[in-house]
Amino acid sequence: MNLIFCLFLAVHIYLESVYRDSWCKGETEVRLSNGNRADCVTDEYAVEVEFASKYHEGIGQALDYADQTGKKPGILLIIETEKGLIYYNRLMPVANKYGIKVWQIKPGQLN
């Protein structure tokens, strides 16, 4: 029996790093004591930059970054399509519950 495996890759307009570098007004790719890297660390926030469809992963990472840095947790949610707003709406109740600041960025907002 032959098995056929298909790999479906998400196609994005820009890489996550392009959004991060355009938005972040602090340090990027900050190495933390637990070996992880925070996407963006500002004076006040430790921020995870994440595509909208992976918002649930961003929650844990933002909380981890905040714990490691002593800063407030944040998520920069990348919204490339209208469907991204669905994920934003799913994220917000959890973000509000756990004190995670959320920002949005869209392709047209890049510097």
N, C-alpha and C. Protein backbone atom coordinates (compact mmCIF):
# COMPACT_ATOMS: atom_id res chain seq x y z
N MET A 1 0.84 -1.16 0.00
CA MET A 1 0.00 0.00 0.00
C MET A 1 0.90 1.24 0.00
N ASN A 2 0.60 2.14 -0.88
CA ASN A 2 1.33 3.40 -0.94
C ASN A 2 0.59 4.46 -0.15
N LEU A 3 1.33 5.17 0.64
CA LEU A 3 0.75 6.28 1.38
C LEU A 3 1.23 7.58 0.77
N ILE A 4 0.32 8.47 0.61
CA ILE A 4 0.66 9.78 0.07
C ILE A 4 0.48 10.81 1.18
N PHE A 5 1.52 11.54 1.42
CA PHE A 5 1.46 12.58 2.44
C PHE A 5 1.50 13.94 1.74
N CYS A 6 0.63 14.80 2.17
CA CYS A 6 0.61 16.16 1.63
C CYS A 6 0.96 17.13 2.75
N LEU A 7 1.77 18.05 2.42
CA LEU A 7 2.14 19.08 3.38
C LEU A 7 1.55 20.40 2.91
N PHE A 8 0.71 20.96 3.73
CA PHE A 8 0.10 22.23 3.39
C PHE A 8 0.76 23.30 4.24
N LEU A 9 1.34 24.25 3.60
CA LEU A 9 2.01 25.34 4.29
C LEU A 9 1.13 26.58 4.24
N ALA A 10 1.09 27.27 5.34
CA ALA A 10 0.36 28.52 5.36
C ALA A 10 1.12 29.54 4.52
N VAL A 11 0.41 30.25 3.71
CA VAL A 11 1.03 31.27 2.87
C VAL A 11 0.68 32.63 3.45
N HIS A 12 1.70 33.40 3.71
CA HIS A 12 1.50 34.72 4.28
C HIS A 12 2.05 35.77 3.34
N ILE A 13 1.54 36.97 3.46
CA ILE A 13 1.99 38.07 2.62
C ILE A 13 3.43 38.43 2.95
N TYR A 14 3.74 38.51 4.25
CA TYR A 14 5.09 38.81 4.72
C TYR A 14 5.46 37.83 5.83
N LEU A 15 6.74 37.69 6.08
CA LEU A 15 7.20 36.90 7.21
C LEU A 15 6.84 37.60 8.52
N GLU A 16 6.71 36.83 9.58
CA GLU A 16 6.44 37.39 10.90
C GLU A 16 7.48 38.44 11.28
N SER A 17 8.72 38.19 10.95
CA SER A 17 9.80 39.12 11.30
C SER A 17 9.64 40.48 10.64
N VAL A 18 9.02 40.54 9.47
CA VAL A 18 8.80 41.82 8.80
C VAL A 18 7.82 42.67 9.61
N TYR A 19 6.75 42.05 10.09
CA TYR A 19 5.78 42.76 10.93
C TYR A 19 6.43 43.19 12.24
N ARG A 20 7.17 42.26 12.86
CA ARG A 20 7.85 42.55 14.13
C ARG A 20 8.79 43.74 13.99
N ASP A 21 9.63 43.70 12.97
CA ASP A 21 10.64 44.74 12.81
C ASP A 21 10.00 46.10 12.49
N SER A 22 8.88 46.09 11.81
CA SER A 22 8.19 47.33 11.50
C SER A 22 7.53 47.94 12.74
N TRP A 23 7.02 47.09 13.62
CA TRP A 23 6.21 47.54 14.75
C TRP A 23 7.02 47.77 16.03
N CYS A 24 7.97 46.93 16.31
CA CYS A 24 8.65 46.92 17.61
C CYS A 24 9.51 48.17 17.81
N LYS A 25 9.25 48.85 18.91
CA LYS A 25 10.02 50.04 19.28
C LYS A 25 10.95 49.73 20.45
N GLY A 26 11.28 48.46 20.60
CA GLY A 26 12.19 48.03 21.66
C GLY A 26 13.22 47.07 21.08
N GLU A 27 13.63 46.12 21.88
CA GLU A 27 14.59 45.09 21.44
C GLU A 27 13.84 43.91 20.83
N THR A 28 14.39 43.31 19.80
CA THR A 28 13.79 42.14 19.19
C THR A 28 14.65 40.90 19.45
N GLU A 29 13.98 39.76 19.44
CA GLU A 29 14.65 38.46 19.63
C GLU A 29 15.51 38.45 20.89
N VAL A 30 14.90 38.81 22.01
CA VAL A 30 15.61 38.89 23.28
C VAL A 30 15.70 37.51 23.92
N ARG A 31 16.92 37.05 24.16
CA ARG A 31 17.15 35.74 24.78
C ARG A 31 16.77 35.81 26.25
N LEU A 32 15.92 34.88 26.68
CA LEU A 32 15.45 34.83 28.06
C LEU A 32 16.22 33.77 28.84
N SER A 33 16.13 33.81 30.16
CA SER A 33 16.90 32.89 31.00
C SER A 33 16.50 31.44 30.80
N ASN A 34 15.26 31.19 30.32
CA ASN A 34 14.83 29.81 30.08
C ASN A 34 15.19 29.32 28.68
N GLY A 35 15.92 30.13 27.92
CA GLY A 35 16.36 29.73 26.59
C GLY A 35 15.44 30.18 25.47
N ASN A 36 14.24 30.63 25.79
CA ASN A 36 13.32 31.13 24.77
C ASN A 36 13.76 32.52 24.33
N ARG A 37 13.17 32.98 23.24
CA ARG A 37 13.44 34.33 22.74
C ARG A 37 12.13 35.08 22.65
N ALA A 38 12.09 36.23 23.29
CA ALA A 38 10.91 37.10 23.19
C ALA A 38 11.00 37.88 21.89
N ASP A 39 9.89 37.97 21.17
CA ASP A 39 9.89 38.64 19.88
C ASP A 39 10.21 40.13 20.01
N CYS A 40 9.63 40.78 21.00
CA CYS A 40 9.83 42.22 21.19
C CYS A 40 9.71 42.54 22.68
N VAL A 41 10.69 43.24 23.20
CA VAL A 41 10.65 43.67 24.60
C VAL A 41 10.80 45.19 24.62
N THR A 42 9.79 45.85 25.18
CA THR A 42 9.81 47.30 25.33
C THR A 42 10.03 47.64 26.80
N ASP A 43 9.99 48.91 27.12
CA ASP A 43 10.16 49.32 28.52
C ASP A 43 9.07 48.72 29.40
N GLU A 44 7.88 48.50 28.83
CA GLU A 44 6.73 48.06 29.63
C GLU A 44 6.26 46.64 29.32
N TYR A 45 6.45 46.16 28.08
CA TYR A 45 5.85 44.90 27.65
C TYR A 45 6.86 43.91 27.08
N ALA A 46 6.54 42.63 27.27
CA ALA A 46 7.20 41.52 26.58
C ALA A 46 6.16 40.98 25.60
N VAL A 47 6.45 41.10 24.30
CA VAL A 47 5.44 40.91 23.27
C VAL A 47 5.74 39.71 22.38
N GLU A 48 4.73 38.89 22.18
CA GLU A 48 4.77 37.81 21.20
C GLU A 48 4.12 38.34 19.92
N VAL A 49 4.79 38.16 18.80
CA VAL A 49 4.25 38.52 17.50
C VAL A 49 3.75 37.24 16.86
N GLU A 50 2.46 37.21 16.48
CA GLU A 50 1.87 35.96 16.00
C GLU A 50 0.82 36.21 14.94
N PHE A 51 0.79 35.31 13.95
CA PHE A 51 -0.27 35.34 12.95
C PHE A 51 -1.59 34.99 13.64
N ALA A 52 -2.66 35.61 13.16
CA ALA A 52 -3.97 35.50 13.81
C ALA A 52 -4.41 34.05 14.03
N SER A 53 -4.19 33.19 13.06
CA SER A 53 -4.67 31.81 13.18
C SER A 53 -3.94 31.03 14.28
N LYS A 54 -2.82 31.57 14.77
CA LYS A 54 -2.07 30.91 15.84
C LYS A 54 -2.16 31.68 17.14
N TYR A 55 -3.25 32.43 17.30
CA TYR A 55 -3.42 33.28 18.48
C TYR A 55 -3.30 32.49 19.78
N HIS A 56 -3.78 31.23 19.78
CA HIS A 56 -3.77 30.43 21.00
C HIS A 56 -2.33 30.15 21.46
N GLU A 57 -1.40 30.00 20.53
CA GLU A 57 0.00 29.81 20.89
C GLU A 57 0.59 31.10 21.47
N GLY A 58 0.13 32.22 20.94
CA GLY A 58 0.61 33.51 21.39
C GLY A 58 0.29 33.79 22.85
N ILE A 59 -0.83 33.27 23.33
CA ILE A 59 -1.23 33.49 24.72
C ILE A 59 -0.18 32.92 25.67
N GLY A 60 0.17 31.68 25.49
CA GLY A 60 1.16 31.04 26.36
C GLY A 60 2.53 31.70 26.25
N GLN A 61 2.92 32.03 25.03
CA GLN A 61 4.23 32.64 24.85
C GLN A 61 4.29 34.02 25.51
N ALA A 62 3.24 34.82 25.34
CA ALA A 62 3.23 36.16 25.95
C ALA A 62 3.31 36.06 27.46
N LEU A 63 2.58 35.13 28.05
CA LEU A 63 2.63 34.96 29.50
C LEU A 63 4.00 34.48 29.96
N ASP A 64 4.61 33.60 29.20
CA ASP A 64 5.95 33.12 29.53
C ASP A 64 6.97 34.25 29.44
N TYR A 65 6.91 35.03 28.38
CA TYR A 65 7.84 36.15 28.21
C TYR A 65 7.71 37.13 29.37
N ALA A 66 6.47 37.43 29.75
CA ALA A 66 6.22 38.36 30.85
C ALA A 66 6.81 37.82 32.15
N ASP A 67 6.60 36.53 32.39
CA ASP A 67 7.12 35.91 33.60
C ASP A 67 8.65 35.97 33.64
N GLN A 68 9.26 35.74 32.50
CA GLN A 68 10.72 35.73 32.42
C GLN A 68 11.34 37.12 32.53
N THR A 69 10.63 38.14 32.06
CA THR A 69 11.19 39.49 32.01
C THR A 69 10.73 40.41 33.14
N GLY A 70 9.61 40.04 33.80
CA GLY A 70 9.03 40.92 34.80
C GLY A 70 8.24 42.07 34.18
N LYS A 71 7.95 41.96 32.90
CA LYS A 71 7.18 42.99 32.18
C LYS A 71 5.76 42.51 31.98
N LYS A 72 4.91 43.38 31.47
CA LYS A 72 3.52 43.01 31.17
C LYS A 72 3.48 42.19 29.89
N PRO A 73 2.54 41.22 29.80
CA PRO A 73 2.43 40.42 28.58
C PRO A 73 1.71 41.16 27.47
N GLY A 74 2.16 40.93 26.24
CA GLY A 74 1.51 41.53 25.08
C GLY A 74 1.57 40.63 23.87
N ILE A 75 0.61 40.81 22.97
CA ILE A 75 0.57 40.08 21.71
C ILE A 75 0.35 41.08 20.59
N LEU A 76 1.20 41.04 19.58
CA LEU A 76 0.96 41.77 18.34
C LEU A 76 0.37 40.75 17.38
N LEU A 77 -0.92 40.88 17.10
CA LEU A 77 -1.63 39.92 16.26
C LEU A 77 -1.59 40.38 14.81
N ILE A 78 -1.05 39.53 13.95
CA ILE A 78 -0.93 39.83 12.53
C ILE A 78 -2.23 39.42 11.84
N ILE A 79 -2.91 40.39 11.26
CA ILE A 79 -4.19 40.12 10.60
C ILE A 79 -4.03 40.45 9.11
N GLU A 80 -3.91 39.40 8.31
CA GLU A 80 -3.70 39.58 6.87
C GLU A 80 -4.99 39.45 6.06
N THR A 81 -6.02 38.85 6.65
CA THR A 81 -7.29 38.65 5.93
C THR A 81 -8.45 38.98 6.85
N GLU A 82 -9.62 39.06 6.28
CA GLU A 82 -10.82 39.31 7.09
C GLU A 82 -11.04 38.19 8.11
N LYS A 83 -10.67 36.96 7.76
CA LYS A 83 -10.82 35.85 8.69
C LYS A 83 -9.99 36.06 9.95
N GLY A 84 -8.94 36.82 9.84
CA GLY A 84 -8.10 37.11 11.00
C GLY A 84 -8.87 37.79 12.11
N LEU A 85 -9.90 38.54 11.76
CA LEU A 85 -10.71 39.21 12.78
C LEU A 85 -11.48 38.21 13.63
N ILE A 86 -11.81 37.06 13.06
CA ILE A 86 -12.46 35.99 13.84
C ILE A 86 -11.53 35.55 14.97
N TYR A 87 -10.26 35.36 14.64
CA TYR A 87 -9.28 34.94 15.65
C TYR A 87 -9.05 36.04 16.68
N TYR A 88 -9.04 37.27 16.24
CA TYR A 88 -8.92 38.40 17.18
C TYR A 88 -10.07 38.36 18.18
N ASN A 89 -11.27 38.12 17.71
CA ASN A 89 -12.44 38.06 18.60
C ASN A 89 -12.37 36.87 19.55
N ARG A 90 -11.72 35.80 19.16
CA ARG A 90 -11.53 34.66 20.05
C ARG A 90 -10.47 34.96 21.10
N LEU A 91 -9.46 35.69 20.70
CA LEU A 91 -8.36 36.02 21.59
C LEU A 91 -8.76 36.99 22.70
N MET A 92 -9.55 37.98 22.38
CA MET A 92 -9.78 39.08 23.31
C MET A 92 -10.35 38.68 24.68
N PRO A 93 -11.32 37.78 24.78
CA PRO A 93 -11.80 37.41 26.12
C PRO A 93 -10.71 36.80 27.00
N VAL A 94 -9.86 36.00 26.41
CA VAL A 94 -8.77 35.37 27.16
C VAL A 94 -7.72 36.43 27.52
N ALA A 95 -7.41 37.29 26.57
CA ALA A 95 -6.43 38.35 26.83
C ALA A 95 -6.92 39.26 27.95
N ASN A 96 -8.18 39.61 27.93
CA ASN A 96 -8.73 40.46 28.99
C ASN A 96 -8.68 39.75 30.34
N LYS A 97 -8.97 38.47 30.35
CA LYS A 97 -8.97 37.70 31.60
C LYS A 97 -7.59 37.64 32.23
N TYR A 98 -6.55 37.52 31.40
CA TYR A 98 -5.19 37.34 31.91
C TYR A 98 -4.32 38.61 31.81
N GLY A 99 -4.94 39.72 31.47
CA GLY A 99 -4.20 40.98 31.44
C GLY A 99 -3.17 41.09 30.33
N ILE A 100 -3.47 40.50 29.18
CA ILE A 100 -2.57 40.55 28.03
C ILE A 100 -3.00 41.71 27.13
N LYS A 101 -2.10 42.64 26.89
CA LYS A 101 -2.35 43.74 25.96
C LYS A 101 -2.26 43.21 24.54
N VAL A 102 -3.22 43.59 23.69
CA VAL A 102 -3.24 43.10 22.31
C VAL A 102 -3.22 44.29 21.35
N TRP A 103 -2.33 44.20 20.37
CA TRP A 103 -2.29 45.15 19.27
C TRP A 103 -2.53 44.36 17.99
N GLN A 104 -2.99 45.04 16.96
CA GLN A 104 -3.18 44.43 15.64
C GLN A 104 -2.23 45.10 14.65
N ILE A 105 -1.80 44.33 13.67
CA ILE A 105 -1.06 44.90 12.55
C ILE A 105 -1.52 44.22 11.27
N LYS A 106 -1.67 45.03 10.24
CA LYS A 106 -2.09 44.54 8.93
C LYS A 106 -1.02 44.92 7.90
N PRO A 107 -0.98 44.22 6.76
CA PRO A 107 0.06 44.49 5.77
C PRO A 107 0.17 45.97 5.38
N GLY A 108 -0.95 46.67 5.27
CA GLY A 108 -0.94 48.06 4.88
C GLY A 108 -0.38 49.01 5.93
N GLN A 109 -0.10 48.50 7.13
CA GLN A 109 0.41 49.34 8.21
C GLN A 109 1.92 49.26 8.38
N LEU A 110 2.58 48.49 7.52
CA LEU A 110 4.03 48.35 7.64
C LEU A 110 4.74 49.65 7.27
N ASN A 111 5.83 49.92 7.97
CA ASN A 111 6.63 51.13 7.69
C ASN A 111 7.51 50.88 6.47
